């Protein structure tokens, strides 16, 4: 018995050392942590906080594709689709902008005449030269006649682009050299009022057509997929939206528990007083 106890004690004492040895790796020079080891943003730190009816700060100054300063108020003269991206993005930005190309090729409204698209980089390191190249690349993919002014790619100092993002409730977070951010279209009326949000990276022509018509009238419409937003959470590593089993399951459990408690209360017979 004593020998068994002694053996157990030795095993417990040696356990941490053995574990450390089994996990030891050769020393390597310091380097940036891979995306899988980066800090996950806190709840609410990245996402969309809808600001329907709010107006953009029209005095903000951005840079156009030629590097010239342009005031936001001079751009918002028609219904506008706003996208917030950064041009080095290797995640959801490219699929989102490809989705914009697809819907521009299909929508009945005429880009540049009935509405316009503004893609603004929130990365202050992006330059007008990069924006110009990005615009040229995406306009080549649009199969219908379209003026270059129908889809603008703008840059600006961090303070200005952050203020623009805040005005539409777009929350992003720097993560090393990259950013964690959501994907959505923000519809703006002439004059810069937020009228609607369309989430995701692919868009139905009929949805955007209706949103453009509403923006032209200055009408705000609540987002119909708020439940989908609840059911899906942003995955910062995969840079996309994934179904949140835990969140939905917790909701179902809470609702079931509340229903069960209600049934018990209803079945409880009142005591007969003598």
Protein backbone atom coordinates (compact mmCIF):
# COMPACT_ATOMS: atom_id res chain seq x y z
CA UNK A 1 0.00 0.00 0.00
CA UNK A 2 2.81 2.38 0.94
CA UNK A 3 4.57 1.64 -2.34
CA UNK A 4 1.36 2.43 -4.27
CA UNK A 5 0.96 5.75 -2.47
CA UNK A 6 4.63 6.56 -3.10
CA UNK A 7 4.24 5.73 -6.79
CA UNK A 8 1.20 8.00 -7.09
CA UNK A 9 3.03 10.83 -5.33
CA UNK A 10 5.99 10.51 -7.67
CA UNK A 11 3.70 10.49 -10.70
CA UNK A 12 1.91 13.64 -9.53
CA UNK A 13 5.21 15.37 -8.84
CA UNK A 14 6.62 14.40 -12.21
CA UNK A 15 3.39 15.18 -14.13
CA UNK A 16 3.95 18.94 -14.74
CA UNK A 17 7.60 18.33 -15.66
CA UNK A 18 6.74 15.53 -18.04
CA UNK A 19 3.97 17.61 -19.59
CA UNK A 20 6.32 20.53 -20.06
CA UNK A 21 8.90 18.26 -21.67
CA UNK A 22 6.32 16.71 -23.99
CA UNK A 23 5.23 20.19 -25.12
CA UNK A 24 8.70 21.66 -25.44
CA UNK A 25 9.62 22.99 -28.88
CA UNK A 26 12.89 24.32 -30.23
CA UNK A 27 13.44 28.01 -29.58
CA UNK A 28 12.47 30.20 -32.51
CA UNK A 29 12.90 33.90 -33.20
CA UNK A 30 9.96 36.08 -32.12
CA UNK A 31 7.36 36.44 -34.84
CA UNK A 32 3.81 37.67 -35.27
CA UNK A 33 1.21 35.39 -33.80
CA UNK A 34 -0.74 33.41 -36.40
CA UNK A 35 -4.37 34.36 -36.91
CA UNK A 36 -5.52 31.30 -34.96
CA UNK A 37 -3.75 32.59 -31.85
CA UNK A 38 -4.84 36.20 -32.08
CA UNK A 39 -7.20 37.64 -29.53
CA UNK A 40 -10.87 37.20 -30.27
CA UNK A 41 -12.70 40.53 -30.04
CA UNK A 42 -15.11 41.03 -27.18
CA UNK A 43 -18.85 40.71 -27.89
CA UNK A 44 -20.09 43.86 -29.58
CA UNK A 45 -16.58 45.02 -30.45
CA UNK A 46 -16.95 44.03 -34.11
CA UNK A 47 -20.23 44.15 -36.02
CA UNK A 48 -23.02 46.50 -37.04
CA UNK A 49 -24.93 48.80 -34.71
CA UNK A 50 -27.72 49.97 -37.01
CA UNK A 51 -28.27 53.73 -37.10
CA UNK A 52 -31.34 54.03 -39.31
CA UNK A 53 -32.31 57.65 -39.84
CA UNK A 54 -28.92 58.99 -38.72
CA UNK A 55 -27.09 61.42 -40.96
CA UNK A 56 -23.49 61.15 -42.01
CA UNK A 57 -20.98 63.88 -41.06
CA UNK A 58 -21.07 65.68 -44.39
CA UNK A 59 -18.07 67.88 -43.61
CA UNK A 60 -15.73 64.88 -43.64
CA UNK A 61 -13.00 65.11 -46.25
CA UNK A 62 -11.73 61.99 -48.05
CA UNK A 63 -9.33 61.46 -50.94
CA UNK A 64 -10.49 60.46 -54.39
CA UNK A 65 -8.69 58.06 -56.71
CA UNK A 66 -6.39 60.87 -57.92
CA UNK A 67 -5.47 61.93 -54.40
CA UNK A 68 -7.60 65.06 -54.46
CA UNK A 69 -9.54 65.97 -51.30
CA UNK A 70 -13.30 65.64 -51.68
CA UNK A 71 -15.94 66.61 -49.16
CA UNK A 72 -18.51 63.95 -48.36
CA UNK A 73 -21.42 66.34 -48.95
CA UNK A 74 -20.37 66.84 -52.59
CA UNK A 75 -20.54 63.08 -53.20
CA UNK A 76 -23.97 62.32 -51.77
CA UNK A 77 -26.13 63.85 -54.49
CA UNK A 78 -28.07 60.66 -55.26
CA UNK A 79 -29.00 57.37 -53.56
CA UNK A 80 -25.75 55.79 -52.47
CA UNK A 81 -24.60 52.29 -51.61
CA UNK A 82 -21.75 52.54 -49.10
CA UNK A 83 -19.30 49.72 -48.50
CA UNK A 84 -16.50 49.88 -45.93
CA UNK A 85 -13.48 47.72 -46.70
CA UNK A 86 -9.71 47.82 -46.82
CA UNK A 87 -7.83 47.14 -50.01
CA UNK A 88 -5.26 44.64 -48.68
CA UNK A 89 -7.98 42.48 -47.20
CA UNK A 90 -7.52 38.78 -47.92
CA UNK A 91 -10.81 37.79 -46.30
CA UNK A 92 -14.40 38.87 -46.94
CA UNK A 93 -13.68 42.16 -48.75
CA UNK A 94 -12.98 40.55 -52.12
CA UNK A 95 -16.07 38.28 -52.03
CA UNK A 96 -18.17 41.25 -50.96
CA UNK A 97 -16.95 43.48 -53.78
CA UNK A 98 -17.38 40.59 -56.21
CA UNK A 99 -20.95 40.36 -54.93
CA UNK A 100 -21.31 44.06 -55.67
CA UNK A 101 -20.16 43.44 -59.24
CA UNK A 102 -22.71 40.64 -59.65
CA UNK A 103 -25.63 42.75 -58.44
CA UNK A 104 -24.56 45.73 -60.58
CA UNK A 105 -24.71 43.46 -63.61
CA UNK A 106 -28.29 42.43 -62.81
CA UNK A 107 -30.09 45.34 -61.17
CA UNK A 108 -32.61 47.28 -63.25
CA UNK A 109 -31.62 50.67 -61.84
CA UNK A 110 -28.82 52.37 -63.76
CA UNK A 111 -25.57 52.76 -61.77
CA UNK A 112 -24.32 56.32 -61.97
CA UNK A 113 -27.75 57.67 -62.85
CA UNK A 114 -30.22 56.17 -60.38
CA UNK A 115 -27.65 55.47 -57.66
CA UNK A 116 -23.94 55.25 -57.01
CA UNK A 117 -21.55 53.08 -55.02
CA UNK A 118 -18.93 54.43 -52.63
CA UNK A 119 -16.30 52.00 -51.39
CA UNK A 120 -14.26 53.63 -48.63
CA UNK A 121 -11.16 52.09 -47.09
CA UNK A 122 -10.93 52.39 -43.32
CA UNK A 123 -7.21 51.51 -43.43
CA UNK A 124 -5.21 54.78 -43.39
CA UNK A 125 -2.32 52.96 -45.09
CA UNK A 126 -4.32 52.53 -48.29
CA UNK A 127 -3.34 55.09 -50.92
CA UNK A 128 -5.22 56.75 -53.79
CA UNK A 129 -3.00 54.84 -56.22
CA UNK A 130 -4.19 51.53 -54.79
CA UNK A 131 -7.79 52.78 -54.82
CA UNK A 132 -7.47 53.76 -58.47
CA UNK A 133 -6.18 50.31 -59.40
CA UNK A 134 -8.94 48.61 -57.39
CA UNK A 135 -11.61 50.64 -59.14
CA UNK A 136 -10.18 49.83 -62.56
CA UNK A 137 -10.09 46.11 -61.75
CA UNK A 138 -13.69 45.98 -60.55
CA UNK A 139 -15.11 48.18 -63.30
CA UNK A 140 -13.65 45.76 -65.84
CA UNK A 141 -15.87 43.05 -64.36
CA UNK A 142 -19.06 45.08 -64.81
CA UNK A 143 -20.60 43.88 -68.07
CA UNK A 144 -22.97 46.80 -68.64
CA UNK A 145 -21.96 50.34 -69.66
CA UNK A 146 -21.04 52.21 -66.51
CA UNK A 147 -19.36 55.52 -65.80
CA UNK A 148 -16.25 55.42 -63.60
CA UNK A 149 -17.99 57.90 -61.29
CA UNK A 150 -20.75 55.33 -60.65
CA UNK A 151 -18.40 53.39 -58.35
CA UNK A 152 -15.86 55.39 -56.38
CA UNK A 153 -13.00 54.00 -54.33
CA UNK A 154 -11.95 56.46 -51.63
CA UNK A 155 -9.28 56.66 -48.97
CA UNK A 156 -8.53 59.05 -46.14
CA UNK A 157 -6.87 59.62 -42.80
CA UNK A 158 -7.82 57.26 -40.00
CA UNK A 159 -9.77 59.89 -38.09
CA UNK A 160 -12.01 60.66 -41.06
CA UNK A 161 -12.71 57.06 -42.09
CA UNK A 162 -13.30 56.02 -38.47
CA UNK A 163 -15.79 58.87 -38.06
CA UNK A 164 -17.56 57.69 -41.21
CA UNK A 165 -17.68 54.12 -39.93
CA UNK A 166 -19.00 55.26 -36.55
CA UNK A 167 -21.75 57.29 -38.18
CA UNK A 168 -23.23 54.14 -39.75
CA UNK A 169 -22.49 51.87 -36.77
CA UNK A 170 -19.78 49.87 -38.56
CA UNK A 171 -17.45 48.41 -35.91
CA UNK A 172 -14.05 47.05 -36.88
CA UNK A 173 -10.90 46.18 -34.96
CA UNK A 174 -7.23 46.15 -35.91
CA UNK A 175 -5.64 42.72 -35.57
CA UNK A 176 -1.92 42.85 -36.29
CA UNK A 177 -1.54 44.18 -39.83
CA UNK A 178 -5.11 43.27 -40.70
CA UNK A 179 -8.61 44.11 -39.52
CA UNK A 180 -11.57 42.17 -38.22
CA UNK A 181 -14.76 43.61 -39.63
CA UNK A 182 -18.30 42.76 -40.76
CA UNK A 183 -19.68 42.87 -44.30
CA UNK A 184 -22.73 44.93 -45.18
CA UNK A 185 -24.12 47.48 -47.59
CA UNK A 186 -25.31 50.74 -46.08
CA UNK A 187 -27.95 52.57 -48.13
CA UNK A 188 -27.89 56.36 -47.97
CA UNK A 189 -30.38 58.94 -49.19
CA UNK A 190 -29.30 62.03 -51.13
CA UNK A 191 -27.96 64.20 -48.36
CA UNK A 192 -26.56 61.30 -46.34
CA UNK A 193 -29.34 59.74 -44.26
CA UNK A 194 -28.97 56.05 -43.43
CA UNK A 195 -32.04 54.29 -44.83
CA UNK A 196 -31.26 50.58 -44.86
CA UNK A 197 -28.68 47.83 -44.24
CA UNK A 198 -28.17 44.75 -46.40
CA UNK A 199 -25.95 42.14 -44.77
CA UNK A 200 -23.59 39.58 -46.23
CA UNK A 201 -21.39 39.32 -49.30
CA UNK A 202 -23.95 38.45 -52.00
CA UNK A 203 -27.04 40.45 -52.81
CA UNK A 204 -30.34 39.94 -54.60
CA UNK A 205 -31.01 42.48 -57.39
CA UNK A 206 -34.62 42.91 -56.24
CA UNK A 207 -33.49 43.70 -52.68
CA UNK A 208 -31.02 46.33 -53.82
CA UNK A 209 -33.51 47.76 -56.33
CA UNK A 210 -36.07 48.27 -53.56
CA UNK A 211 -33.44 49.68 -51.20
CA UNK A 212 -32.34 52.21 -53.84
CA UNK A 213 -35.95 53.33 -54.39
CA UNK A 214 -36.44 53.72 -50.64
CA UNK A 215 -33.21 55.70 -50.34
CA UNK A 216 -34.33 58.02 -53.14
CA UNK A 217 -37.45 58.81 -51.08
CA UNK A 218 -35.51 59.05 -47.83
CA UNK A 219 -37.54 56.19 -46.36
CA UNK A 220 -35.95 54.06 -43.65
CA UNK A 221 -36.71 50.36 -43.44
CA UNK A 222 -35.79 48.04 -40.57
CA UNK A 223 -33.55 45.13 -41.43
CA UNK A 224 -35.64 42.01 -41.95
CA UNK A 225 -32.88 39.60 -41.01
CA UNK A 226 -32.32 40.64 -37.41
CA UNK A 227 -33.06 37.05 -36.37
CA UNK A 228 -30.44 35.85 -38.85
CA UNK A 229 -27.98 38.26 -37.27
CA UNK A 230 -28.76 36.71 -33.92
CA UNK A 231 -28.40 33.16 -35.23
CA UNK A 232 -25.11 33.89 -36.96
CA UNK A 233 -21.99 35.25 -35.31
CA UNK A 234 -18.88 36.73 -36.89
CA UNK A 235 -15.87 34.41 -37.05
CA UNK A 236 -12.74 36.61 -36.90
CA UNK A 237 -10.41 33.80 -37.96
CA UNK A 238 -12.45 32.69 -40.95
CA UNK A 239 -13.60 36.28 -41.53
CA UNK A 240 -17.14 35.26 -42.18
CA UNK A 241 -20.43 34.53 -40.49
CA UNK A 242 -21.06 31.12 -38.94
CA UNK A 243 -24.16 29.59 -37.43
CA UNK A 244 -24.04 30.02 -33.65
CA UNK A 245 -25.30 26.69 -32.34
CA UNK A 246 -24.59 27.69 -28.74
CA UNK A 247 -26.55 30.92 -28.97
CA UNK A 248 -29.58 29.35 -30.61
CA UNK A 249 -29.51 26.30 -28.31
CA UNK A 250 -29.31 28.53 -25.24
CA UNK A 251 -32.31 30.49 -26.46
CA UNK A 252 -34.32 27.31 -27.04
CA UNK A 253 -33.38 25.99 -23.59
CA UNK A 254 -34.41 29.24 -21.89
CA UNK A 255 -37.70 29.35 -23.75
CA UNK A 256 -38.38 25.70 -22.95
CA UNK A 257 -37.60 26.25 -19.27
CA UNK A 258 -39.88 29.27 -19.17
CA UNK A 259 -42.66 27.27 -20.84
CA UNK A 260 -42.21 24.37 -18.42
CA UNK A 261 -42.36 26.71 -15.45
CA UNK A 262 -45.51 28.30 -16.82
CA UNK A 263 -47.15 24.89 -17.21
CA UNK A 264 -46.29 23.98 -13.61
CA UNK A 265 -47.77 27.21 -12.33
CA UNK A 266 -50.95 26.70 -14.31
CA UNK A 267 -51.35 23.13 -13.09
CA UNK A 268 -50.83 24.00 -9.45
CA UNK A 269 -54.18 23.73 -7.74
CA UNK A 270 -55.16 26.48 -5.29
CA UNK A 271 -55.28 25.40 -1.67
CA UNK A 272 -58.75 24.99 -0.18
CA UNK A 273 -59.16 27.19 2.84
CA UNK A 274 -61.25 25.79 5.72
